[in-house]
Amino acid sequence: MKLQYLLLLLIGLSFPACIEDATQTILFEQGTVIMAVVGLMMVIIALAYSLGTALHIPNAIVFAKDEMYHLGFSMMLLLGFSGIVVFSCDLTGMFFTQTMGTISTGSCYSSGSGTSPNEVAECYISQEKNDARSMSERYIQKYLDNMMDSTFAWSLALPLFEAYTATAGAYKRIVSNQYSMIMNSFLVPALMSISMQKFVLLFINENVIRWVLPTAFVMRFFPPTRHMGNIFIALAIGLYVLVPMLYAFNLSMYDVVLNDCSAFAKAACDNVIDNNSCGSPATTCSNPDSLWNVARLLPQAFFLPNLTMALVITFLSSIHKALRVIG
């Protein structure tokens, strides 16, 4: 397994870099702290080995040798981490390109363009956010318009007779309530969820290598927090490499799976939203505010992020176990 790990580092270094130098970033952010921890560990190892040899304490000698191995492995991991990230990036990128080139015809991906999963994910999440925001604004406006129209009334008054008043627009209060229900139950929560996911994606692409990894290696060098450091290293790889690819696949559903409105037009049609045109599927599919377009937002807003979290947690557990076994 150790030989396979070394081959992974060498193969990764042979690929063209798809991100900035991760090792250089780690040393730039926390190089002083890492060197201080390494120096402290070397002193502790030397003292433990000297005392164990002088006083014939086997446990101290074993501790010193064990920590020397962990220190050497951590240094090798730090120096070769750029290769690991580059290899992972290129491997997932190649798989993503081959797959998306076959199934996707959406505006955010064009076959052969070399578009990365990060760029595709950011493009799709921005597109969904804009759609959710536009629909929310239109639903709010229609809610207010129908609410105002529902107050329309006319009166008939004749001298010496009673006055009669008819609220001719009262039914629009029901229409207004329907727009309000859809807006508050689906559109606004979806907009909030997608907006937060976009923020998280941008944070991952810009800050994980810069902030999470340096902290992870500081903890990896220090024995009491070594296992926590392994978890943070696995977290950094999972967030930076796996999450964008999963998001790119999930978000491509917006174009690949949910682009055929005509097959579901009758089920998605609503007489209020579609202006009493349920007999014409073309009207429903051309309506930007139809329930079909509302439904397209829901998988990424509520279900698919949870699926991504489950896969990332499984990945973290596997990488953490591998790092514990190796060193």
Protein backbone atom coordinates (compact mmCIF):
# COMPACT_ATOMS: atom_id res chain seq x y z
CA MET A 1 0.00 0.00 0.00
CA LYS A 2 2.88 2.37 0.76
CA LEU A 3 4.38 1.68 -2.68
CA GLN A 4 1.03 2.41 -4.30
CA TYR A 5 0.82 5.67 -2.39
CA LEU A 6 4.28 6.71 -3.64
CA LEU A 7 3.28 5.85 -7.21
CA LEU A 8 0.20 8.02 -6.75
CA LEU A 9 2.42 10.95 -5.82
CA LEU A 10 4.72 10.44 -8.82
CA ILE A 11 1.82 10.03 -11.27
CA GLY A 12 0.16 13.13 -9.90
CA LEU A 13 3.32 15.18 -10.38
CA SER A 14 3.47 14.14 -14.03
CA PHE A 15 0.10 15.75 -14.81
CA PRO A 16 -0.19 19.40 -15.75
CA ALA A 17 -1.28 21.47 -12.77
CA CYS A 18 -5.01 22.19 -12.62
CA ILE A 19 -4.71 24.30 -9.48
CA GLU A 20 -2.05 26.42 -7.84
CA ASP A 21 0.76 24.76 -5.88
CA ALA A 22 -0.98 23.39 -2.78
CA THR A 23 2.28 22.75 -0.91
CA GLN A 24 3.50 26.29 -1.56
CA THR A 25 0.17 27.66 -0.33
CA ILE A 26 0.37 25.60 2.87
CA LEU A 27 3.91 26.75 3.61
CA PHE A 28 3.05 30.36 2.80
CA GLU A 29 0.09 30.39 5.19
CA GLN A 30 1.45 28.31 8.08
CA GLY A 31 5.08 27.61 7.21
CA THR A 32 6.47 29.14 10.42
CA VAL A 33 4.06 27.22 12.64
CA ILE A 34 4.69 23.96 10.77
CA MET A 35 8.46 24.32 11.06
CA ALA A 36 8.11 25.12 14.77
CA VAL A 37 6.00 21.99 15.30
CA VAL A 38 8.47 19.89 13.29
CA GLY A 39 11.36 21.25 15.36
CA LEU A 40 9.51 20.55 18.60
CA MET A 41 8.74 17.00 17.51
CA MET A 42 12.39 16.38 16.58
CA VAL A 43 13.45 17.55 20.04
CA ILE A 44 10.85 15.31 21.70
CA ILE A 45 11.91 12.33 19.58
CA ALA A 46 15.58 12.92 20.35
CA LEU A 47 14.92 13.21 24.08
CA ALA A 48 12.70 10.12 24.12
CA TYR A 49 15.27 8.06 22.23
CA SER A 50 18.16 9.29 24.41
CA LEU A 51 16.32 8.60 27.65
CA GLY A 52 15.08 5.24 26.41
CA THR A 53 18.60 4.18 25.40
CA ALA A 54 20.31 5.51 28.52
CA LEU A 55 17.75 4.22 31.01
CA HIS A 56 16.80 1.09 29.06
CA ILE A 57 13.14 2.06 28.65
CA PRO A 58 11.75 0.11 25.67
CA ASN A 59 8.52 2.12 25.55
CA ALA A 60 10.43 5.38 25.06
CA ILE A 61 12.50 3.88 22.24
CA VAL A 62 9.39 2.51 20.52
CA PHE A 63 7.68 5.89 20.94
CA ALA A 64 10.67 7.68 19.40
CA LYS A 65 10.84 5.35 16.40
CA ASP A 66 7.10 5.47 15.88
CA GLU A 67 7.03 9.28 16.00
CA MET A 68 10.04 9.46 13.67
CA TYR A 69 8.12 7.39 11.13
CA HIS A 70 5.02 9.59 11.48
CA LEU A 71 7.13 12.73 11.19
CA GLY A 72 8.82 11.47 8.02
CA PHE A 73 5.51 10.40 6.51
CA SER A 74 3.93 13.75 7.34
CA MET A 75 6.82 15.59 5.66
CA MET A 76 6.52 13.37 2.59
CA LEU A 77 2.77 13.96 2.55
CA LEU A 78 3.26 17.72 2.80
CA LEU A 79 5.89 17.89 0.06
CA GLY A 80 3.91 15.63 -2.25
CA PHE A 81 0.46 17.00 -1.56
CA SER A 82 0.42 19.08 -4.74
CA GLY A 83 0.81 15.84 -6.68
CA ILE A 84 -2.10 14.25 -4.84
CA VAL A 85 -4.40 17.19 -5.53
CA VAL A 86 -3.31 17.47 -9.16
CA PHE A 87 -3.78 13.75 -9.74
CA SER A 88 -7.22 13.82 -8.11
CA CYS A 89 -8.17 16.93 -10.08
CA ASP A 90 -7.11 15.46 -13.42
CA LEU A 91 -8.70 12.07 -12.71
CA THR A 92 -12.10 13.52 -11.79
CA GLY A 93 -11.81 16.08 -14.59
CA MET A 94 -11.16 13.39 -17.18
CA PHE A 95 -14.09 11.29 -15.94
CA PHE A 96 -16.31 14.36 -15.85
CA THR A 97 -15.34 15.47 -19.36
CA GLN A 98 -15.91 12.04 -20.87
CA THR A 99 -19.28 11.67 -19.19
CA MET A 100 -20.62 15.18 -19.70
CA GLY A 101 -19.46 15.19 -23.30
CA THR A 102 -21.90 12.34 -23.88
CA ILE A 103 -24.95 13.33 -21.85
CA SER A 104 -24.92 17.12 -21.64
CA THR A 105 -26.04 19.61 -24.24
CA GLY A 106 -26.65 22.46 -21.82
CA SER A 107 -25.42 26.02 -22.07
CA CYS A 108 -22.94 25.59 -19.21
CA TYR A 109 -20.98 22.79 -20.85
CA SER A 110 -19.76 22.39 -24.40
CA SER A 111 -18.06 19.17 -25.45
CA GLY A 112 -14.35 19.52 -26.09
CA SER A 113 -14.05 22.91 -24.44
CA GLY A 114 -12.10 21.60 -21.47
CA THR A 115 -14.55 23.13 -19.01
CA SER A 116 -13.74 22.08 -15.45
CA PRO A 117 -16.35 20.75 -12.98
CA ASN A 118 -15.82 23.87 -10.84
CA GLU A 119 -16.74 26.19 -13.71
CA VAL A 120 -19.73 24.09 -14.78
CA ALA A 121 -21.03 23.89 -11.19
CA GLU A 122 -20.70 27.66 -10.69
CA CYS A 123 -22.39 28.32 -14.05
CA TYR A 124 -25.36 26.07 -13.33
CA ILE A 125 -25.82 27.27 -9.74
CA SER A 126 -25.78 30.89 -10.94
CA GLN A 127 -28.34 30.05 -13.63
CA GLU A 128 -30.65 28.37 -11.11
CA LYS A 129 -30.27 31.24 -8.65
CA ASN A 130 -31.17 33.79 -11.31
CA ASP A 131 -34.22 31.75 -12.36
CA ALA A 132 -35.39 31.35 -8.77
CA ARG A 133 -34.95 35.05 -8.07
CA SER A 134 -36.77 36.12 -11.24
CA MET A 135 -39.68 33.78 -10.57
CA SER A 136 -39.91 34.93 -6.95
CA GLU A 137 -40.06 38.57 -8.04
CA ARG A 138 -42.79 37.84 -10.60
CA TYR A 139 -44.81 35.78 -8.12
CA ILE A 140 -44.59 38.57 -5.54
CA GLN A 141 -45.79 41.09 -8.12
CA LYS A 142 -48.69 38.86 -9.18
CA TYR A 143 -49.58 38.26 -5.54
CA LEU A 144 -49.78 42.01 -4.91
CA ASP A 145 -51.63 42.73 -8.16
CA ASN A 146 -54.31 40.14 -7.43
CA MET A 147 -54.56 41.28 -3.83
CA MET A 148 -55.24 44.83 -4.99
CA ASP A 149 -57.67 43.71 -7.69
CA SER A 150 -59.63 41.69 -5.14
CA THR A 151 -60.77 44.94 -3.50
CA PHE A 152 -62.63 46.06 -6.62
CA ALA A 153 -66.34 46.59 -5.96
CA TRP A 154 -69.24 48.54 -7.47
CA SER A 155 -72.35 49.95 -5.85
CA LEU A 156 -75.85 50.79 -7.04
CA ALA A 157 -77.76 53.39 -5.09
CA LEU A 158 -81.17 54.85 -5.99
CA PRO A 159 -82.93 57.66 -4.15
CA LEU A 160 -85.44 56.43 -1.53
CA PHE A 161 -84.20 52.85 -2.03
CA GLU A 162 -81.44 50.72 -0.47
CA ALA A 163 -77.90 50.73 -1.86
CA TYR A 164 -76.50 47.50 -3.30
CA THR A 165 -72.76 46.70 -3.38
CA ALA A 166 -71.09 43.84 -5.29
CA THR A 167 -67.45 42.83 -4.74
CA ALA A 168 -66.82 41.76 -8.32
CA GLY A 169 -63.10 41.10 -7.82
CA ALA A 170 -63.25 39.16 -4.55
CA TYR A 171 -62.35 35.88 -6.26
CA LYS A 172 -58.87 37.26 -7.00
CA ARG A 173 -58.08 36.96 -3.31
CA ILE A 174 -58.00 33.19 -3.84
CA VAL A 175 -55.69 33.64 -6.83
CA SER A 176 -53.46 35.88 -4.72
CA ASN A 177 -53.33 33.25 -1.96
CA GLN A 178 -52.22 30.62 -4.47
CA TYR A 179 -49.30 32.74 -5.65
CA SER A 180 -48.43 33.43 -2.01
CA MET A 181 -48.49 29.72 -1.10
CA ILE A 182 -46.23 28.67 -3.98
CA MET A 183 -43.88 31.57 -3.33
CA ASN A 184 -43.53 30.97 0.43
CA SER A 185 -43.52 27.17 0.30
CA PHE A 186 -41.23 26.59 -2.67
CA LEU A 187 -39.69 29.57 -4.45
CA VAL A 188 -38.31 31.58 -1.53
CA PRO A 189 -36.91 28.50 0.32
CA ALA A 190 -35.40 27.27 -2.96
CA LEU A 191 -33.83 30.68 -3.61
CA MET A 192 -32.34 30.77 -0.10
CA SER A 193 -30.99 27.23 -0.40
CA ILE A 194 -29.47 27.73 -3.87
CA SER A 195 -27.96 31.09 -2.84
CA MET A 196 -26.30 29.48 0.17
CA GLN A 197 -25.01 26.60 -1.95
CA LYS A 198 -23.49 29.05 -4.42
CA PHE A 199 -21.75 30.83 -1.56
CA VAL A 200 -20.39 27.52 -0.25
CA LEU A 201 -19.11 26.52 -3.71
CA LEU A 202 -17.29 29.84 -4.12
CA PHE A 203 -15.84 29.52 -0.62
CA ILE A 204 -14.60 25.99 -1.35
CA ASN A 205 -12.93 26.95 -4.63
CA GLU A 206 -11.20 29.98 -3.15
CA ASN A 207 -10.40 29.12 0.47
CA VAL A 208 -10.16 25.38 1.19
CA ILE A 209 -6.57 25.01 -0.04
CA ARG A 210 -5.64 28.31 1.55
CA TRP A 211 -7.15 27.85 5.02
CA VAL A 212 -8.19 24.24 5.73
CA LEU A 213 -5.06 22.47 4.53
CA PRO A 214 -2.51 24.52 6.51
CA THR A 215 -4.49 23.89 9.69
CA ALA A 216 -4.77 20.20 8.79
CA PHE A 217 -1.01 19.77 8.45
CA VAL A 218 -0.26 21.63 11.67
CA MET A 219 -2.56 19.18 13.44
CA ARG A 220 -1.13 16.23 11.48
CA PHE A 221 2.42 16.88 12.74
CA PHE A 222 1.38 17.09 16.40
CA PRO A 223 0.64 13.63 17.98
CA PRO A 224 -2.41 14.55 20.13
CA THR A 225 -4.24 16.02 17.13
CA ARG A 226 -2.92 13.70 14.41
CA HIS A 227 -6.22 11.92 13.78
CA MET A 228 -8.02 15.25 13.59
CA GLY A 229 -5.42 16.41 11.07
CA ASN A 230 -6.13 13.33 8.95
CA ILE A 231 -9.82 14.21 8.99
CA PHE A 232 -9.10 17.77 7.89
CA ILE A 233 -6.82 16.57 5.07
CA ALA A 234 -9.55 14.23 3.85
CA LEU A 235 -12.06 17.08 4.19
CA ALA A 236 -9.90 19.38 2.07
CA ILE A 237 -9.55 16.81 -0.72
CA GLY A 238 -13.24 15.95 -0.61
CA LEU A 239 -14.40 19.56 -0.66
CA TYR A 240 -11.96 20.77 -3.31
CA VAL A 241 -12.12 17.81 -5.70
CA LEU A 242 -15.24 15.74 -5.06
CA VAL A 243 -17.87 18.38 -4.25
CA PRO A 244 -17.49 20.43 -7.48
CA MET A 245 -17.71 17.28 -9.60
CA LEU A 246 -20.82 16.04 -7.77
CA TYR A 247 -22.41 19.48 -8.05
CA ALA A 248 -21.65 19.65 -11.77
CA PHE A 249 -23.38 16.30 -12.30
CA ASN A 250 -26.31 17.17 -10.06
CA LEU A 251 -26.85 20.60 -11.57
CA SER A 252 -26.64 19.25 -15.11
CA MET A 253 -30.03 17.67 -14.36
CA TYR A 254 -31.42 21.17 -14.88
CA ASP A 255 -30.68 20.79 -18.61
CA VAL A 256 -30.24 17.07 -19.19
CA VAL A 257 -33.13 15.48 -17.26
CA LEU A 258 -35.58 18.31 -16.68
CA ASN A 259 -35.57 19.89 -20.13
CA ASP A 260 -38.51 17.98 -21.64
CA CYS A 261 -41.54 19.92 -20.44
CA SER A 262 -43.95 18.60 -23.08
CA ALA A 263 -43.99 15.08 -21.61
CA PHE A 264 -45.23 16.40 -18.27
CA ALA A 265 -47.13 19.51 -19.38
CA LYS A 266 -50.57 18.17 -18.45
CA ALA A 267 -49.46 17.16 -14.96
CA ALA A 268 -47.71 20.48 -14.39
CA CYS A 269 -50.47 22.67 -15.80
CA ASP A 270 -52.49 24.91 -13.51
CA ASN A 271 -55.48 26.95 -14.67
CA VAL A 272 -54.51 29.92 -12.52
CA ILE A 273 -50.77 30.01 -13.29
CA ASP A 274 -51.26 29.16 -16.97
CA ASN A 275 -54.27 31.47 -17.54
CA ASN A 276 -56.84 28.70 -18.18
CA SER A 277 -54.76 27.18 -21.00
CA CYS A 278 -54.31 23.62 -19.72
CA GLY A 279 -55.59 22.27 -23.00
CA SER A 280 -52.44 23.51 -24.74
CA PRO A 281 -49.15 21.99 -23.48
CA ALA A 282 -47.23 24.55 -25.52
CA THR A 283 -48.68 27.33 -23.37
CA THR A 284 -47.54 25.66 -20.14
CA CYS A 285 -44.04 24.99 -21.47
CA SER A 286 -43.62 28.56 -22.74
CA ASN A 287 -44.81 30.08 -19.47
CA PRO A 288 -41.72 31.12 -17.42
CA ASP A 289 -43.79 30.98 -14.21
CA SER A 290 -45.32 27.53 -14.75
CA LEU A 291 -45.28 24.89 -12.03
CA TRP A 292 -42.88 22.91 -14.23
CA ASN A 293 -40.25 25.61 -13.84
CA VAL A 294 -40.93 25.70 -10.10
CA ALA A 295 -40.43 21.93 -9.93
CA ARG A 296 -37.09 22.14 -11.76
CA LEU A 297 -35.62 24.11 -8.85
CA LEU A 298 -36.62 21.69 -6.11
CA PRO A 299 -34.16 18.76 -6.58
CA GLN A 300 -31.06 20.95 -6.26
CA ALA A 301 -32.64 23.09 -3.57
CA PHE A 302 -33.56 20.25 -1.20
CA PHE A 303 -32.63 16.68 -2.21
CA LEU A 304 -29.37 16.65 -4.15
CA PRO A 305 -27.30 18.62 -1.58
CA ASN A 306 -28.14 15.94 1.01
CA LEU A 307 -27.06 13.22 -1.42
CA THR A 308 -23.78 15.08 -1.98
CA MET A 309 -23.23 15.38 1.77
CA ALA A 310 -23.76 11.63 2.21
CA LEU A 311 -21.22 10.80 -0.52
CA VAL A 312 -18.66 13.27 0.86
CA ILE A 313 -19.03 11.85 4.39
CA THR A 314 -18.43 8.33 3.02
CA PHE A 315 -15.38 9.62 1.15
CA LEU A 316 -14.03 11.32 4.31
CA SER A 317 -14.40 8.14 6.31
CA SER A 318 -12.51 6.11 3.70
CA ILE A 319 -9.64 8.59 3.32
CA HIS A 320 -9.33 8.96 7.09
CA LYS A 321 -9.05 5.18 7.53
CA ALA A 322 -6.45 5.01 4.73
CA LEU A 323 -4.32 7.73 6.33
CA ARG A 324 -4.52 5.99 9.72
CA VAL A 325 -3.36 2.69 8.19
CA ILE A 326 -0.53 4.24 6.15
CA GLY A 327 0.74 6.59 8.84
